[in-house]
Protein backbone atom coordinates (compact mmCIF):
# COMPACT_ATOMS: atom_id res chain seq x y z
CA MET A 1 89.00 97.32 73.39
CA GLN A 2 88.05 95.23 76.41
CA LYS A 3 90.44 95.08 79.35
CA LYS A 4 90.27 92.01 81.53
CA VAL A 5 89.83 91.92 85.30
CA SER A 6 90.02 88.59 87.09
CA ILE A 7 88.06 87.91 90.27
CA VAL A 8 88.89 84.97 92.52
CA LYS A 9 87.20 84.05 95.80
CA CYS A 10 89.39 84.15 98.91
CA ASN A 11 87.58 83.74 102.22
CA SER A 12 90.43 84.29 104.66
CA TYR A 13 93.98 85.51 105.08
CA ASP A 14 95.28 81.99 105.58
CA LYS A 15 98.62 82.09 103.75
CA GLU A 16 98.02 78.98 101.67
CA GLU A 17 94.54 80.10 100.61
CA VAL A 18 95.78 83.59 99.75
CA PHE A 19 98.69 82.24 97.70
CA ASN A 20 96.44 79.91 95.71
CA SER A 21 93.91 82.70 95.09
CA VAL A 22 96.55 85.23 94.03
CA LYS A 23 98.21 82.70 91.74
CA LEU A 24 94.86 81.81 90.13
CA ALA A 25 93.97 85.50 89.66
CA VAL A 26 97.23 86.02 87.77
CA GLU A 27 96.92 82.83 85.73
CA LYS A 28 93.34 83.63 84.65
CA LEU A 29 94.71 86.64 82.77
CA GLY A 30 97.67 84.80 81.26
CA PHE A 31 100.02 87.41 82.71
CA ARG A 32 103.68 86.44 82.31
CA ILE A 33 106.42 87.43 84.73
CA LYS A 34 109.85 87.64 83.13
CA GLU A 35 112.36 85.47 84.95
CA GLY A 36 115.13 87.30 86.79
CA SER A 37 113.43 90.69 86.58
CA THR A 38 113.53 93.36 89.29
CA VAL A 39 110.03 94.05 90.60
CA LEU A 40 108.79 96.87 92.83
CA LEU A 41 105.71 96.12 94.93
CA LYS A 42 103.53 99.08 95.95
CA PRO A 43 101.16 98.15 98.82
CA ASN A 44 98.69 100.49 100.49
CA ILE A 45 100.12 101.62 103.84
CA LEU A 46 98.04 104.68 104.66
CA ALA A 47 99.00 104.83 108.33
CA LYS A 48 100.12 102.70 111.28
CA ALA A 49 97.21 100.26 111.43
CA THR A 50 97.14 96.57 112.25
CA PRO A 51 96.15 93.99 109.63
CA GLU A 52 92.88 93.41 111.52
CA GLN A 53 91.88 97.05 111.02
CA ALA A 54 91.85 96.41 107.25
CA VAL A 55 93.31 99.84 106.44
CA THR A 56 96.50 98.49 104.81
CA THR A 57 97.25 95.75 102.31
CA HIS A 58 97.35 92.53 104.33
CA PRO A 59 100.85 91.05 104.79
CA SER A 60 99.65 87.65 103.55
CA ILE A 61 98.94 89.27 100.15
CA ILE A 62 102.48 90.69 100.13
CA GLU A 63 103.96 87.29 100.97
CA ALA A 64 101.90 85.54 98.29
CA VAL A 65 103.09 87.94 95.57
CA CYS A 66 106.69 87.70 96.80
CA LYS A 67 106.48 83.89 96.65
CA LEU A 68 105.19 83.99 93.06
CA LEU A 69 107.99 86.32 92.05
CA LYS A 70 110.63 84.30 93.86
CA GLU A 71 109.54 81.26 91.83
CA LYS A 72 110.65 83.28 88.80
CA GLU A 73 113.93 84.21 90.52
CA CYS A 74 112.95 87.87 90.58
CA LYS A 75 114.56 90.48 92.77
CA VAL A 76 111.74 91.97 94.83
CA ILE A 77 111.54 95.41 96.45
CA ILE A 78 108.66 96.73 98.55
CA GLY A 79 108.35 100.52 98.52
CA GLU A 80 105.85 102.92 100.07
CA SER A 81 105.38 106.34 101.64
CA SER A 82 102.50 106.52 104.13
CA GLY A 83 99.97 109.34 104.36
CA PHE A 84 101.69 110.94 107.34
CA THR A 85 105.16 112.47 106.98
CA GLY A 86 107.60 110.56 109.15
CA GLY A 87 105.14 107.74 109.79
CA THR A 88 106.16 105.19 107.16
CA LYS A 89 108.74 103.32 109.25
CA LYS A 90 106.26 102.72 112.08
CA ALA A 91 103.48 101.90 109.61
CA PHE A 92 105.65 99.17 108.05
CA GLU A 93 106.03 97.60 111.49
CA VAL A 94 102.44 97.86 112.75
CA SER A 95 100.91 96.70 109.44
CA GLY A 96 102.98 93.52 109.46
CA ILE A 97 104.58 94.37 106.12
CA LYS A 98 108.06 94.71 107.60
CA GLN A 99 107.74 91.17 108.96
CA ALA A 100 106.42 89.97 105.59
CA ALA A 101 109.48 91.47 103.88
CA GLU A 102 111.77 89.73 106.37
CA ASN A 103 109.94 86.43 105.94
CA CYS A 104 110.43 86.62 102.19
CA LYS A 105 113.96 88.05 102.40
CA VAL A 106 113.14 91.04 100.19
CA GLU A 107 114.20 94.67 100.36
CA LEU A 108 111.94 97.22 102.07
CA ILE A 109 112.29 100.88 101.01
CA ASN A 110 110.87 103.91 102.81
CA LEU A 111 110.11 106.23 99.90
CA GLU A 112 110.03 109.26 102.21
CA SER A 113 113.84 109.26 102.15
CA SER A 114 114.28 108.01 98.60
CA SER A 115 116.20 109.99 95.96
CA LEU A 116 113.81 111.74 93.58
CA LYS A 117 113.74 112.21 89.83
CA GLU A 118 112.17 115.22 88.14
CA ILE A 119 109.62 114.20 85.52
CA GLU A 120 108.19 116.47 82.85
CA ASN A 121 104.50 115.76 82.30
CA LYS A 122 103.38 117.85 79.34
CA GLU A 123 100.09 115.96 79.05
CA GLY A 124 99.20 116.47 82.71
CA LYS A 125 96.19 118.60 83.59
CA VAL A 126 97.43 119.57 87.05
CA LEU A 127 101.02 118.35 87.31
CA LYS A 128 103.21 119.54 84.45
CA LYS A 129 106.22 118.54 86.50
CA LEU A 130 106.47 116.11 89.39
CA TYR A 131 109.10 114.42 91.49
CA LEU A 132 109.00 110.66 91.88
CA PRO A 133 111.34 108.19 93.60
CA GLU A 134 114.20 107.19 91.30
CA ILE A 135 113.63 103.52 92.11
CA LEU A 136 110.49 103.56 89.93
CA PHE A 137 112.67 104.05 86.87
CA LYS A 138 115.29 101.46 87.82
CA VAL A 139 113.03 98.40 88.06
CA ASP A 140 111.70 96.18 85.29
CA MET A 141 108.17 96.00 86.62
CA ILE A 142 105.85 97.69 89.12
CA ILE A 143 103.09 95.62 90.73
CA ASN A 144 100.40 97.69 92.41
CA LEU A 145 98.81 96.15 95.55
CA PRO A 146 95.88 98.35 96.63
CA LYS A 147 93.23 97.69 99.26
CA LEU A 148 89.48 97.76 98.49
CA LYS A 149 88.07 100.69 100.49
CA THR A 150 85.60 103.55 100.46
CA HIS A 151 87.04 107.06 100.73
CA SER A 152 85.46 110.04 102.52
CA PHE A 153 86.77 112.50 99.94
CA MET A 154 87.05 110.51 96.68
CA LEU A 155 84.22 108.02 97.46
CA TYR A 156 86.35 105.00 96.55
CA THR A 157 90.07 104.25 96.65
CA GLY A 158 91.72 101.53 94.61
CA ALA A 159 94.32 100.99 91.92
CA VAL A 160 94.74 104.53 90.57
CA LYS A 161 94.49 106.22 93.97
CA ASN A 162 97.06 103.84 95.51
CA LEU A 163 99.78 105.33 93.30
CA PHE A 164 99.53 108.56 95.31
CA GLY A 165 101.70 106.71 97.85
CA PHE A 166 104.62 107.12 95.43
CA ILE A 167 104.52 110.83 96.26
CA PRO A 168 106.94 111.10 99.19
CA GLY A 169 106.49 112.87 102.49
CA GLY A 170 104.95 116.32 102.69
CA ARG A 171 104.47 116.61 98.94
CA LYS A 172 101.17 114.77 99.41
CA GLN A 173 99.86 117.63 101.52
CA MET A 174 101.14 120.16 98.99
CA TYR A 175 99.30 118.34 96.21
CA HIS A 176 96.07 118.43 98.20
CA LEU A 177 96.51 122.19 98.40
CA ILE A 178 96.85 122.68 94.66
CA ALA A 179 93.95 120.31 93.92
CA PRO A 180 91.34 120.90 96.65
CA SER A 181 88.21 119.74 94.78
CA LYS A 182 87.24 116.15 93.93
CA LYS A 183 87.49 116.80 90.20
CA ARG A 184 90.83 118.55 90.43
CA PHE A 185 92.28 115.92 92.73
CA ALA A 186 91.06 113.17 90.39
CA GLU A 187 92.86 114.94 87.54
CA LEU A 188 96.02 115.05 89.65
CA LEU A 189 95.78 111.34 90.51
CA VAL A 190 95.32 110.38 86.87
CA ASP A 191 98.30 112.62 85.96
CA ILE A 192 100.38 110.47 88.32
CA TYR A 193 98.91 107.24 86.96
CA GLN A 194 99.75 108.15 83.37
CA ILE A 195 103.40 108.64 84.30
CA ILE A 196 103.77 105.45 86.39
CA LYS A 197 101.34 102.96 84.77
CA PRO A 198 102.13 99.79 86.74
CA GLN A 199 102.40 96.64 84.68
CA PHE A 200 100.06 94.70 86.94
CA THR A 201 97.67 95.25 89.86
CA ILE A 202 96.46 92.79 92.49
CA MET A 203 93.81 94.13 94.88
CA ASP A 204 93.29 92.92 98.44
CA GLY A 205 89.51 92.57 98.66
CA VAL A 206 89.40 89.80 101.24
CA THR A 207 88.40 92.30 103.92
CA GLY A 208 87.74 95.86 102.78
CA ILE A 209 86.69 99.11 104.43
CA GLU A 210 83.18 100.57 104.16
CA GLY A 211 81.67 103.79 105.48
CA ASN A 212 83.99 106.65 106.31
CA GLY A 213 87.17 105.07 104.94
CA PRO A 214 89.95 104.85 104.05
CA GLY A 215 91.35 104.97 107.61
CA VAL A 216 90.31 103.58 110.97
CA SER A 217 87.09 105.63 110.96
CA GLY A 218 85.82 103.20 108.36
CA THR A 219 84.47 99.74 109.20
CA PRO A 220 86.07 96.45 108.09
CA ILE A 221 83.76 94.35 105.90
CA LYS A 222 84.45 90.83 104.71
CA THR A 223 84.27 90.72 100.93
CA GLY A 224 86.14 87.52 100.14
CA ILE A 225 87.79 88.34 96.82
CA ILE A 226 91.10 88.99 95.10
CA LEU A 227 91.03 91.12 91.93
CA ALA A 228 93.78 91.42 89.33
CA SER A 229 94.30 93.30 86.07
CA GLU A 230 96.92 94.79 83.78
CA SER A 231 94.75 97.94 83.73
CA CYS A 232 94.29 100.10 86.82
CA PRO A 233 91.25 101.93 85.37
CA ALA A 234 89.57 98.64 84.42
CA LEU A 235 90.13 97.18 87.88
CA ASP A 236 88.72 100.33 89.51
CA MET A 237 85.63 100.23 87.32
CA VAL A 238 84.93 96.64 88.35
CA ALA A 239 85.82 97.06 92.03
CA SER A 240 83.68 100.18 92.49
CA ASP A 241 80.78 98.36 90.83
CA ILE A 242 81.23 95.42 93.21
CA ILE A 243 80.81 97.64 96.28
CA GLY A 244 77.66 99.32 94.99
CA TYR A 245 78.74 102.41 93.05
CA GLU A 246 77.86 103.38 89.52
CA PRO A 247 81.52 103.22 88.35
CA SER A 248 81.40 106.48 86.39
CA GLU A 249 80.40 108.44 89.52
CA ILE A 250 83.85 107.78 91.02
CA PRO A 251 85.93 110.89 90.19
CA THR A 252 89.06 108.97 89.13
CA ASN A 253 87.02 106.57 86.97
CA LYS A 254 85.26 109.49 85.31
CA GLU A 255 88.58 111.20 84.62
CA CYS A 256 90.03 108.00 83.11
CA ILE A 257 86.99 107.73 80.83
CA GLU A 258 87.33 111.38 79.75
CA ARG A 259 91.00 110.84 78.88
CA GLY A 260 90.25 107.74 76.84
CA LEU A 261 92.13 105.43 79.19
CA ILE A 262 89.07 103.19 79.54
CA GLU A 263 85.68 103.05 77.84
CA LYS A 264 82.61 102.85 80.03
CA GLY A 265 81.51 99.23 80.24
CA SER A 266 84.62 97.89 78.51
CA ALA A 267 86.11 96.03 81.49
CA GLN A 268 85.70 92.28 80.96
CA VAL A 269 85.30 90.22 84.13
CA VAL A 270 87.06 86.86 84.19
CA GLY A 271 85.45 84.90 87.03
CA GLU A 272 82.33 85.49 89.10
CA LEU A 273 81.17 89.08 89.60
CA ILE A 274 80.31 89.23 93.30
CA LYS A 275 78.31 92.18 94.67
CA VAL A 276 78.84 93.33 98.26
CA ASN A 277 77.17 96.69 98.80
CA TYR A 278 79.37 98.78 101.05
CA LYS A 279 78.06 101.54 103.29
CA LYS A 280 79.08 104.78 101.63
CA PRO A 281 80.93 107.74 103.18
CA LEU A 282 78.71 110.28 104.90
CA SER A 283 80.15 113.19 102.94
CA LYS A 284 77.69 114.57 100.41
CA ALA A 285 79.78 117.48 99.19
CA SER A 286 79.55 116.35 95.58
CA LYS A 287 75.74 116.50 95.69
CA VAL A 288 75.51 120.23 96.47
CA PRO A 289 73.74 122.10 93.62
CA LYS A 290 76.05 124.34 91.61
CA LEU A 291 73.66 127.30 91.87
CA LEU A 292 74.21 127.62 95.61
CA SER A 293 76.36 130.52 96.67
CA ASN A 294 79.93 129.95 97.85
CA TRP A 295 78.73 130.66 101.37
CA MET A 296 76.00 128.04 101.16
CA PHE A 297 78.41 125.59 99.61
CA LYS A 298 80.81 125.99 102.52
CA GLN A 299 77.93 125.36 104.91
CA ALA A 300 76.76 122.25 103.07
CA ILE A 301 80.00 120.29 102.99
CA ASP A 302 81.43 118.29 105.86
CA TYR A 303 84.11 119.63 108.18
CA PRO A 304 86.36 117.83 110.66
CA VAL A 305 85.13 117.85 114.27
CA ILE A 306 87.44 116.85 117.14
CA ASN A 307 86.14 114.41 119.75
CA LYS A 308 88.11 115.47 122.82
CA ASP A 309 87.20 112.30 124.68
CA LEU A 310 89.01 110.20 122.06
CA CYS A 311 91.79 112.64 121.13
CA LYS A 312 95.26 111.65 122.39
CA LYS A 313 96.89 114.94 121.31
CA CYS A 314 99.31 112.99 119.12
CA ASN A 315 99.58 115.93 116.67
CA ILE A 316 99.24 113.70 113.58
CA CYS A 317 96.22 115.66 112.31
CA VAL A 318 97.97 119.00 112.81
CA ASN A 319 101.14 117.87 111.05
CA SER A 320 99.28 116.30 108.13
CA CYS A 321 96.93 119.25 107.39
CA PRO A 322 97.93 120.68 103.97
CA PRO A 323 96.69 124.30 104.51
CA LYS A 324 97.66 124.33 108.23
CA ALA A 325 94.01 124.84 109.19
CA LEU A 326 94.53 122.79 112.35
CA THR A 327 96.57 124.03 115.29
CA MET A 328 97.20 122.48 118.67
CA GLU A 329 95.60 124.66 121.32
CA GLY A 330 95.21 122.20 124.15
CA TYR A 331 93.35 120.10 121.58
CA PRO A 332 93.43 120.34 117.77
CA THR A 333 91.50 123.45 116.72
CA LEU A 334 90.18 124.02 113.20
CA GLU A 335 90.25 127.38 111.44
CA ARG A 336 87.39 126.64 109.09
CA SER A 337 88.19 129.45 106.65
CA LYS A 338 91.48 127.67 105.81
CA CYS A 339 90.04 124.14 105.57
CA ILE A 340 90.03 122.70 102.03
CA ASN A 341 87.95 119.63 103.02
CA CYS A 342 90.58 117.12 101.93
CA TYR A 343 89.93 115.08 105.11
CA CYS A 344 93.58 114.09 105.55
CA CYS A 345 93.15 114.62 109.30
CA HIS A 346 90.14 112.29 109.36
CA GLU A 347 91.93 109.63 107.30
CA LEU A 348 95.10 109.64 109.36
CA CYS A 349 93.80 109.96 112.92
CA PRO A 350 94.67 106.61 114.57
CA HIS A 351 92.20 107.11 117.43
CA LYS A 352 88.91 107.76 115.54
CA ALA A 353 88.88 111.16 117.24
CA ILE A 354 87.89 113.12 114.13
CA THR A 355 84.42 112.90 112.61
CA LEU A 356 82.98 114.73 109.62
CA GLU A 357 79.94 116.90 110.20
CA LYS A 358 78.01 119.65 108.45
CA SER A 359 77.78 123.11 109.96
CA ALA A 360 75.17 124.03 112.57
CA VAL A 361 73.73 126.50 110.03
CA PHE A 362 73.16 123.80 107.43
CA LYS A 363 71.69 121.41 110.01
CA ALA A 364 69.24 124.13 111.05
CA ILE A 365 68.24 124.71 107.42
CA LEU A 366 67.58 120.99 106.98
CA LYS A 367 65.42 120.92 110.11
CA ILE A 368 63.35 123.84 108.81
CA LYS A 369 63.03 122.18 105.41
CA ASN A 370 61.87 118.91 106.96
CA ALA A 371 59.43 120.71 109.25
CA LEU A 372 57.90 122.49 106.24
CA LYS A 373 58.04 119.25 104.21
CA MET A 374 59.83 121.02 101.40
């Protein structure tokens, strides 16, 4: 069965243009919003980044969706938990989303401090039990508002990945620990998706992030589109195709296909399919041959490297590291044997002080290989 994804051009974050584009993206799919319903909006607020840095869902998108819902006399709530424990309140302010909530007179909830509900997930591959904010189960509708970005660990981040923000506080780091590989983490993300399943998703693709996203180490790139769908997997298939991926190479897309949540090639585009090839993350961990030894594998994948000239010693990387592989010893210091290559530190560093590099051993091997023309 085909699942529709609408694409509408939107060349700027001018509020009127954004509203018209968002409204058209919804109307193209014939999606109906029940009058008087209570709706929870889930933006992407990874960290405290300004709208111009393109890391978070732009506040004009938030305001456009709020305006549409207000026309239906809906009660609107915006809820999120950022990638860094304790950082959500500040991220709301810096991203402009707090101001957007005030402009629209809607409630803003920091999910870090929200009451949690225990959920049994018998069908889950990784999470047989998880704790989610109670508010998810008290609203009539959840609208997912992701940002179009590349991702150093998962290659691409979109509709399914954005739901990870419903996991409050330090539990995100704990989940990275129990699912350290791309495949395992994709399974975990799809476990979460299958429990939440938002009724609708609107993606901010006006300006995305390419390269070493999803944080400030990536580079903003104008893309000029709004995407919408009732299906998170369908939207992710289309969005990852737009930015130059074979959709099934994205771990979350592949996992959704394997679980029968979407068939390859079944997403039906409503509108013009625009291609904007994004620069991809530098990490090549997924390309390492399986026959290599564990030692060689550990040499081949990327590890965080601290740039002391840019480091402000803010401690965000240390506090956000799931296995506690980073410690503050004058500057952040990595104990490589503990590193699980989740790149949380790289994603959340607000100063671009953490890069991803392969080991000196692996670089030397590549030089030898090139010299011998192997």
